[in-house]
Amino acid sequence: MKLLFYVSKLYSLPVIQPVAIEATLRKIEIAVFASSKVAGILSVEFPELKVFTELKDAIDFLPDFVLCPGNFVDFRLPGIKVELFHGIGIEKPSHYKIRHFFDLYLTSGPVVTEKFKKIQQKYTYFKVVETGWPKMDHIMSYDTLKIRKRFNLPLNRKIILYAPTHSSSMESAGSVIPAIDSIMKPDEIWFCKPHEFMDRELLQKLKTKNVRLVESYDITPYLHMADVLVSDTSSVIYEFMALDKPVITCRTLSRKDKGIDIQSPDELRSALDRSLQNPEELSHLRRKHLQEVNPRLDGSISRGIIDLLLSIDPTIPVGEGRKPMNLFRKMQILYHSRFRKGYLR
């Protein structure tokens, strides 16, 4: 069996990493078809990995399965197309949007699986299998030994992580970022993880030395270091909840009891104090939501994914029907391939 990972964004690397590790342990041949930006990072951090930036090389690899932590994949690649998802954005309508590229959807938990199973009844060409989201393996197995020392953080400081979403209907950055300077206490260090597409002018409002920007593509170490997460409707909330630590959401759109939900930054300080004083307060609700969203937290997700792929004959169509022509999206893929060198849609 050959696996090809199709990766266009840096933040998708922690999604594929545990699956790639599991495949390597089983002596399965793997490669990555990556955007030029991703390929540059891979060449430094994983120099032993086979990485393609040209479509021809990826086609010649003849993968049995193409695993994609994103919304698009090049239809010209051989192999069964597998959707891994780039996040657990269960509140976002786009999470359930069918773009007619994938043969197999690997869902994170029951609430997601149920919705995709209903969609599958309409589009019979793909299958839905609940495996859990593989980045959870990366988060739960992350090496946290002396992590604060590695990041030069004093042990006596409280760490607040602010990680907003980019979606215009869900974002909180426009109101929260200007308020951070007046909210934070002297014994706190704040980390701000801006979304890749966030307006960078907003970040100029962060004037205090106790606010640090997270420039890394992998938020995982900051999840482990943080005492509290402040967000809105970002999927990173469920990543943080897996560590059973308190969450504060700003006007979240659903599952409002997954943390303390506030309506304006004026309520943020009291919510922080409450969370820091009693971090176990909403633990039972965090566990409840994760049982519905991503119940597997034992590090077995990637192993299950590889077991599943090994059980599938890649020469036989996964579903029963045929994919739509999907001409518009295919033209988008062709356009980006022709005119945006090094960019993967």
Foldseek 3Di string as FASTA:
>chain_A
DEEEEEEFDLLQVLQCVLLVVLCVVVVHHYAYAYFPVNVVVCCVPPVVGHYHPAPVVQQVVQGQEYEYQDQDDAQPHDHAYEHLHSFLLVVDPVVQDDLLRHQEYAAFFAVVQVSNVVVCVVVQQHYYHHQHRRSLLVLLPPDCVCLCVVVVHDPQAAEEEEEEDDPPVWGDLVFQLLCVVVQDDPRYAYEYEYDPPDDCVSVVSNDDPSYHYDPRSYCRSVLVRHQEYEYASDRCLLSSLLVQWAYEHAPHDDPCLLHHYDPHNVCVNVSVVVCVVCGNPSSVSSQVVCNGRHNDNPSCSSVVVVVVVVVDDSVDRNGDDDGPPSVVVNVVQVVCSPPVRSGGD
